Amino acid sequence: MSRSKKWRLEWSFFLGENGRRKYNKVCKGCVHPCKQSFRVVLISCP
């Protein structure tokens, strides 16, 4: 498996329609490194 294919599989939950990483609206401006995907419903943030 090529490196780019492996990367795409690992990040597929975060990739939007345009193929770029997309984070939750709340996580975009957050200082913590625990960024979550735009696909999740954010329940708790430290």
PDB file of N, CA and C in Angstrom:
ATOM      1  N   MET A   1       0.848  -1.169   0.000  1.00  0.00           N
ATOM      2  CA  MET A   1       0.000   0.000   0.000  1.00  0.00           C
ATOM      3  C   MET A   1       0.897   1.237   0.000  1.00  0.00           C
ATOM      4  N   SER A   2       0.586   2.187  -0.858  1.00  0.00           N
ATOM      5  CA  SER A   2       1.406   3.394  -0.929  1.00  0.00           C
ATOM      6  C   SER A   2       1.162   4.297   0.278  1.00  0.00           C
ATOM      7  N   ARG A   3       2.097   5.180   0.498  1.00  0.00           N
ATOM      8  CA  ARG A   3       2.020   6.083   1.649  1.00  0.00           C
ATOM      9  C   ARG A   3       0.780   6.975   1.568  1.00  0.00           C
ATOM     10  N   SER A   4       0.487   7.517   0.387  1.00  0.00           N
ATOM     11  CA  SER A   4      -0.658   8.420   0.255  1.00  0.00           C
ATOM     12  C   SER A   4      -1.986   7.676   0.443  1.00  0.00           C
ATOM     13  N   LYS A   5      -2.048   6.434   0.001  1.00  0.00           N
ATOM     14  CA  LYS A   5      -3.276   5.662   0.177  1.00  0.00           C
ATOM     15  C   LYS A   5      -3.495   5.344   1.656  1.00  0.00           C
ATOM     16  N   LYS A   6      -2.414   5.013   2.347  1.00  0.00           N
ATOM     17  CA  LYS A   6      -2.496   4.728   3.776  1.00  0.00           C
ATOM     18  C   LYS A   6      -2.921   5.981   4.535  1.00  0.00           C
ATOM     19  N   TRP A   7      -2.345   7.137   4.175  1.00  0.00           N
ATOM     20  CA  TRP A   7      -2.711   8.402   4.805  1.00  0.00           C
ATOM     21  C   TRP A   7      -4.189   8.680   4.595  1.00  0.00           C
ATOM     22  N   ARG A   8      -4.687   8.490   3.381  1.00  0.00           N
ATOM     23  CA  ARG A   8      -6.089   8.762   3.077  1.00  0.00           C
ATOM     24  C   ARG A   8      -7.016   7.843   3.869  1.00  0.00           C
ATOM     25  N   LEU A   9      -6.646   6.593   4.053  1.00  0.00           N
ATOM     26  CA  LEU A   9      -7.456   5.673   4.841  1.00  0.00           C
ATOM     27  C   LEU A   9      -7.496   6.090   6.307  1.00  0.00           C
ATOM     28  N   GLU A  10      -6.346   6.510   6.838  1.00  0.00           N
ATOM     29  CA  GLU A  10      -6.287   6.934   8.231  1.00  0.00           C
ATOM     30  C   GLU A  10      -7.093   8.209   8.474  1.00  0.00           C
ATOM     31  N   TRP A  11      -7.089   9.123   7.525  1.00  0.00           N
ATOM     32  CA  TRP A  11      -7.748  10.416   7.693  1.00  0.00           C
ATOM     33  C   TRP A  11      -9.136  10.468   7.052  1.00  0.00           C
ATOM     34  N   SER A  12      -9.657   9.365   6.528  1.00  0.00           N
ATOM     35  CA  SER A  12     -10.927   9.385   5.793  1.00  0.00           C
ATOM     36  C   SER A  12     -12.092   9.937   6.613  1.00  0.00           C
ATOM     37  N   PHE A  13     -12.056   9.778   7.918  1.00  0.00           N
ATOM     38  CA  PHE A  13     -13.130  10.294   8.779  1.00  0.00           C
ATOM     39  C   PHE A  13     -13.090  11.819   8.860  1.00  0.00           C
ATOM     40  N   PHE A  14     -11.932  12.414   8.585  1.00  0.00           N
ATOM     41  CA  PHE A  14     -11.752  13.864   8.664  1.00  0.00           C
ATOM     42  C   PHE A  14     -11.855  14.559   7.307  1.00  0.00           C
ATOM     43  N   LEU A  15     -11.841  13.809   6.206  1.00  0.00           N
ATOM     44  CA  LEU A  15     -11.814  14.421   4.883  1.00  0.00           C
ATOM     45  C   LEU A  15     -13.209  14.851   4.443  1.00  0.00           C
ATOM     46  N   GLY A  16     -13.293  16.082   3.971  1.00  0.00           N
ATOM     47  CA  GLY A  16     -14.554  16.618   3.469  1.00  0.00           C
ATOM     48  C   GLY A  16     -14.749  16.273   2.002  1.00  0.00           C
ATOM     49  N   GLU A  17     -15.744  16.900   1.376  1.00  0.00           N
ATOM     50  CA  GLU A  17     -16.065  16.632  -0.025  1.00  0.00           C
ATOM     51  C   GLU A  17     -14.911  16.987  -0.957  1.00  0.00           C
ATOM     52  N   ASN A  18     -14.157  18.005  -0.595  1.00  0.00           N
ATOM     53  CA  ASN A  18     -13.052  18.456  -1.444  1.00  0.00           C
ATOM     54  C   ASN A  18     -11.752  17.691  -1.199  1.00  0.00           C
ATOM     55  N   GLY A  19     -11.764  16.717  -0.289  1.00  0.00           N
ATOM     56  CA  GLY A  19     -10.576  15.911  -0.012  1.00  0.00           C
ATOM     57  C   GLY A  19      -9.619  16.519   0.986  1.00  0.00           C
ATOM     58  N   ARG A  20      -9.997  17.628   1.600  1.00  0.00           N
ATOM     59  CA  ARG A  20      -9.140  18.269   2.597  1.00  0.00           C
ATOM     60  C   ARG A  20      -9.642  17.954   3.993  1.00  0.00           C
ATOM     61  N   ARG A  21      -8.722  18.013   4.977  1.00  0.00           N
ATOM     62  CA  ARG A  21      -9.108  17.757   6.364  1.00  0.00           C
ATOM     63  C   ARG A  21     -10.083  18.825   6.839  1.00  0.00           C
ATOM     64  N   LYS A  22     -11.117  18.379   7.538  1.00  0.00           N
ATOM     65  CA  LYS A  22     -12.133  19.292   8.027  1.00  0.00           C
ATOM     66  C   LYS A  22     -12.438  18.922   9.471  1.00  0.00           C
ATOM     67  N   TYR A  23     -12.359  19.926  10.368  1.00  0.00           N
ATOM     68  CA  TYR A  23     -12.572  19.686  11.787  1.00  0.00           C
ATOM     69  C   TYR A  23     -13.913  20.238  12.231  1.00  0.00           C
ATOM     70  N   ASN A  24     -14.347  19.825  13.397  1.00  0.00           N
ATOM     71  CA  ASN A  24     -15.568  20.317  14.007  1.00  0.00           C
ATOM     72  C   ASN A  24     -15.458  21.829  14.193  1.00  0.00           C
ATOM     73  N   LYS A  25     -16.570  22.548  14.059  1.00  0.00           N
ATOM     74  CA  LYS A  25     -16.566  24.013  14.196  1.00  0.00           C
ATOM     75  C   LYS A  25     -16.000  24.451  15.541  1.00  0.00           C
ATOM     76  N   VAL A  26     -16.362  23.738  16.598  1.00  0.00           N
ATOM     77  CA  VAL A  26     -15.894  24.072  17.940  1.00  0.00           C
ATOM     78  C   VAL A  26     -14.382  23.843  18.051  1.00  0.00           C
ATOM     79  N   CYS A  27     -13.884  22.824  17.396  1.00  0.00           N
ATOM     80  CA  CYS A  27     -12.468  22.457  17.498  1.00  0.00           C
ATOM     81  C   CYS A  27     -11.547  23.370  16.688  1.00  0.00           C
ATOM     82  N   LYS A  28     -12.079  24.033  15.688  1.00  0.00           N
ATOM     83  CA  LYS A  28     -11.224  24.874  14.844  1.00  0.00           C
ATOM     84  C   LYS A  28     -10.464  25.917  15.641  1.00  0.00           C
ATOM     85  N   GLY A  29     -11.121  26.593  16.560  1.00  0.00           N
ATOM     86  CA  GLY A  29     -10.471  27.646  17.324  1.00  0.00           C
ATOM     87  C   GLY A  29      -9.922  27.203  18.660  1.00  0.00           C
ATOM     88  N   CYS A  30     -10.014  25.943  18.959  1.00  0.00           N
ATOM     89  CA  CYS A  30      -9.582  25.418  20.252  1.00  0.00           C
ATOM     90  C   CYS A  30      -8.061  25.283  20.311  1.00  0.00           C
ATOM     91  N   VAL A  31      -7.493  25.500  21.499  1.00  0.00           N
ATOM     92  CA  VAL A  31      -6.046  25.409  21.675  1.00  0.00           C
ATOM     93  C   VAL A  31      -5.569  23.990  21.973  1.00  0.00           C
ATOM     94  N   HIS A  32      -6.479  23.099  22.322  1.00  0.00           N
ATOM     95  CA  HIS A  32      -6.109  21.722  22.656  1.00  0.00           C
ATOM     96  C   HIS A  32      -5.828  20.907  21.389  1.00  0.00           C
ATOM     97  N   PRO A  33      -4.929  19.923  21.474  1.00  0.00           N
ATOM     98  CA  PRO A  33      -4.566  19.134  20.295  1.00  0.00           C
ATOM     99  C   PRO A  33      -5.555  18.012  19.953  1.00  0.00           C
ATOM    100  N   CYS A  34      -6.659  17.915  20.675  1.00  0.00           N
ATOM    101  CA  CYS A  34      -7.598  16.803  20.478  1.00  0.00           C
ATOM    102  C   CYS A  34      -8.672  17.153  19.443  1.00  0.00           C
ATOM    103  N   LYS A  35      -8.285  17.580  18.273  1.00  0.00           N
ATOM    104  CA  LYS A  35      -9.229  17.994  17.236  1.00  0.00           C
ATOM    105  C   LYS A  35     -10.118  16.821  16.829  1.00  0.00           C
ATOM    106  N   GLN A  36     -11.422  17.096  16.639  1.00  0.00           N
ATOM    107  CA  GLN A  36     -12.373  16.067  16.251  1.00  0.00           C
ATOM    108  C   GLN A  36     -12.912  16.343  14.862  1.00  0.00           C
ATOM    109  N   SER A  37     -13.389  15.314  14.224  1.00  0.00           N
ATOM    110  CA  SER A  37     -13.919  15.408  12.875  1.00  0.00           C
ATOM    111  C   SER A  37     -15.210  16.209  12.835  1.00  0.00           C
ATOM    112  N   PHE A  38     -15.494  16.780  11.676  1.00  0.00           N
ATOM    113  CA  PHE A  38     -16.748  17.493  11.475  1.00  0.00           C
ATOM    114  C   PHE A  38     -17.938  16.538  11.498  1.00  0.00           C
ATOM    115  N   ARG A  39     -17.691  15.258  11.415  1.00  0.00           N
ATOM    116  CA  ARG A  39     -18.762  14.251  11.382  1.00  0.00           C
ATOM    117  C   ARG A  39     -19.300  13.900  12.776  1.00  0.00           C
ATOM    118  N   VAL A  40     -18.607  14.260  13.822  1.00  0.00           N
ATOM    119  CA  VAL A  40     -19.022  13.874  15.180  1.00  0.00           C
ATOM    120  C   VAL A  40     -19.876  14.954  15.826  1.00  0.00           C
ATOM    121  N   VAL A  41     -20.665  14.531  16.782  1.00  0.00           N
ATOM    122  CA  VAL A  41     -21.417  15.455  17.624  1.00  0.00           C
ATOM    123  C   VAL A  41     -20.571  15.657  18.868  1.00  0.00           C
ATOM    124  N   LEU A  42     -20.117  16.867  19.065  1.00  0.00           N
ATOM    125  CA  LEU A  42     -19.223  17.163  20.179  1.00  0.00           C
ATOM    126  C   LEU A  42     -19.981  17.107  21.492  1.00  0.00           C
ATOM    127  N   ILE A  43     -19.533  16.244  22.392  1.00  0.00           N
ATOM    128  CA  ILE A  43     -20.193  16.066  23.678  1.00  0.00           C
ATOM    129  C   ILE A  43     -19.423  16.785  24.773  1.00  0.00           C
ATOM    130  N   SER A  44     -18.099  16.667  24.744  1.00  0.00           N
ATOM    131  CA  SER A  44     -17.288  17.230  25.803  1.00  0.00           C
ATOM    132  C   SER A  44     -15.952  17.711  25.241  1.00  0.00           C
ATOM    133  N   CYS A  45     -15.461  18.813  25.794  1.00  0.00           N
ATOM    134  CA  CYS A  45     -14.161  19.332  25.379  1.00  0.00           C
ATOM    135  C   CYS A  45     -13.409  19.743  26.652  1.00  0.00           C
ATOM    136  N   PRO A  46     -12.129  19.363  26.741  1.00  0.00           N
ATOM    137  CA  PRO A  46     -11.378  19.732  27.943  1.00  0.00           C
ATOM    138  C   PRO A  46     -11.139  21.209  27.911  1.00  0.00           C
TER     139      PRO A  46
END
